[in-house]
C-alpha atoms as a PDB file:
ATOM      1  CA  UNK A   1       0.000   0.000   0.000  1.00  0.00           C
ATOM      2  CA  UNK A   2       1.192   3.451  -0.840  1.00  0.00           C
ATOM      3  CA  UNK A   3       0.212   6.683   0.868  1.00  0.00           C
ATOM      4  CA  UNK A   4       0.729  10.348   0.064  1.00  0.00           C
ATOM      5  CA  UNK A   5       1.192  12.908   2.805  1.00  0.00           C
ATOM      6  CA  UNK A   6      -0.677  16.182   2.547  1.00  0.00           C
ATOM      7  CA  UNK A   7       0.839  19.493   3.612  1.00  0.00           C
ATOM      8  CA  UNK A   8      -1.445  19.297   6.685  1.00  0.00           C
ATOM      9  CA  UNK A   9       0.271  16.036   7.711  1.00  0.00           C
ATOM     10  CA  UNK A  10      -2.589  13.633   7.039  1.00  0.00           C
ATOM     11  CA  UNK A  11      -1.827  10.537   4.960  1.00  0.00           C
ATOM     12  CA  UNK A  12      -4.128   9.417   2.146  1.00  0.00           C
ATOM     13  CA  UNK A  13      -4.104   5.932   0.659  1.00  0.00           C
ATOM     14  CA  UNK A  14      -3.399   5.875  -3.092  1.00  0.00           C
ATOM     15  CA  UNK A  15      -5.816   3.579  -4.922  1.00  0.00           C
ATOM     16  CA  UNK A  16      -5.963   2.687  -8.643  1.00  0.00           C
ATOM     17  CA  UNK A  17      -9.659   3.691  -8.882  1.00  0.00           C
ATOM     18  CA  UNK A  18      -9.593   7.274 -10.235  1.00  0.00           C
ATOM     19  CA  UNK A  19     -13.144   8.072  -9.098  1.00  0.00           C
ATOM     20  CA  UNK A  20     -12.422   6.862  -5.554  1.00  0.00           C
ATOM     21  CA  UNK A  21      -9.143   8.770  -5.448  1.00  0.00           C
ATOM     22  CA  UNK A  22     -10.868  11.932  -6.663  1.00  0.00           C
ATOM     23  CA  UNK A  23     -13.537  11.567  -3.977  1.00  0.00           C
ATOM     24  CA  UNK A  24     -10.895  11.051  -1.295  1.00  0.00           C
ATOM     25  CA  UNK A  25      -9.066  14.224  -2.363  1.00  0.00           C
ATOM     26  CA  UNK A  26     -12.294  16.275  -2.479  1.00  0.00           C
ATOM     27  CA  UNK A  27     -13.328  15.023   0.960  1.00  0.00           C
ATOM     28  CA  UNK A  28      -9.899  15.777   2.372  1.00  0.00           C
ATOM     29  CA  UNK A  29      -9.854  19.280   0.925  1.00  0.00           C
ATOM     30  CA  UNK A  30     -13.326  19.876   2.359  1.00  0.00           C
ATOM     31  CA  UNK A  31     -12.051  18.953   5.814  1.00  0.00           C
ATOM     32  CA  UNK A  32      -8.734  20.797   5.535  1.00  0.00           C
ATOM     33  CA  UNK A  33      -9.173  24.201   3.907  1.00  0.00           C
ATOM     34  CA  UNK A  34      -5.471  24.970   4.386  1.00  0.00           C
ATOM     35  CA  UNK A  35      -4.370  21.891   2.408  1.00  0.00           C
ATOM     36  CA  UNK A  36      -2.491  22.552  -0.848  1.00  0.00           C
ATOM     37  CA  UNK A  37      -4.554  20.891  -3.576  1.00  0.00           C
ATOM     38  CA  UNK A  38      -1.904  21.156  -6.304  1.00  0.00           C
ATOM     39  CA  UNK A  39       0.771  19.640  -4.047  1.00  0.00           C
ATOM     40  CA  UNK A  40      -1.560  16.785  -3.119  1.00  0.00           C
ATOM     41  CA  UNK A  41      -2.440  16.050  -6.754  1.00  0.00           C
ATOM     42  CA  UNK A  42       1.247  16.097  -7.725  1.00  0.00           C
ATOM     43  CA  UNK A  43       2.013  13.624  -4.919  1.00  0.00           C
ATOM     44  CA  UNK A  44      -0.759  11.307  -6.115  1.00  0.00           C
ATOM     45  CA  UNK A  45       0.435  11.370  -9.727  1.00  0.00           C
ATOM     46  CA  UNK A  46       3.988  10.640  -8.577  1.00  0.00           C
ATOM     47  CA  UNK A  47       2.819   7.724  -6.432  1.00  0.00           C
ATOM     48  CA  UNK A  48       0.642   6.354  -9.236  1.00  0.00           C
ATOM     49  CA  UNK A  49       3.494   6.513 -11.724  1.00  0.00           C
ATOM     50  CA  UNK A  50       5.773   4.517  -9.437  1.00  0.00           C
ATOM     51  CA  UNK A  51       3.041   1.890  -8.903  1.00  0.00           C
ATOM     52  CA  UNK A  52       2.625   1.279 -12.623  1.00  0.00           C
ATOM     53  CA  UNK A  53       6.376   0.964 -13.181  1.00  0.00           C
ATOM     54  CA  UNK A  54       6.780  -1.738 -10.507  1.00  0.00           C
END
């Protein structure tokens, strides 16, 4: 299992289901207004790219 860490410190599980991942990000951003959305998305894309290369 791979996680990404938001700028707020919370860890989010990276899943291959794009719809589920999108919902998780939206829910997280709703709970943490100070979270950096672009940073979080970049972390997710980086994690996803390393999963597909393994």
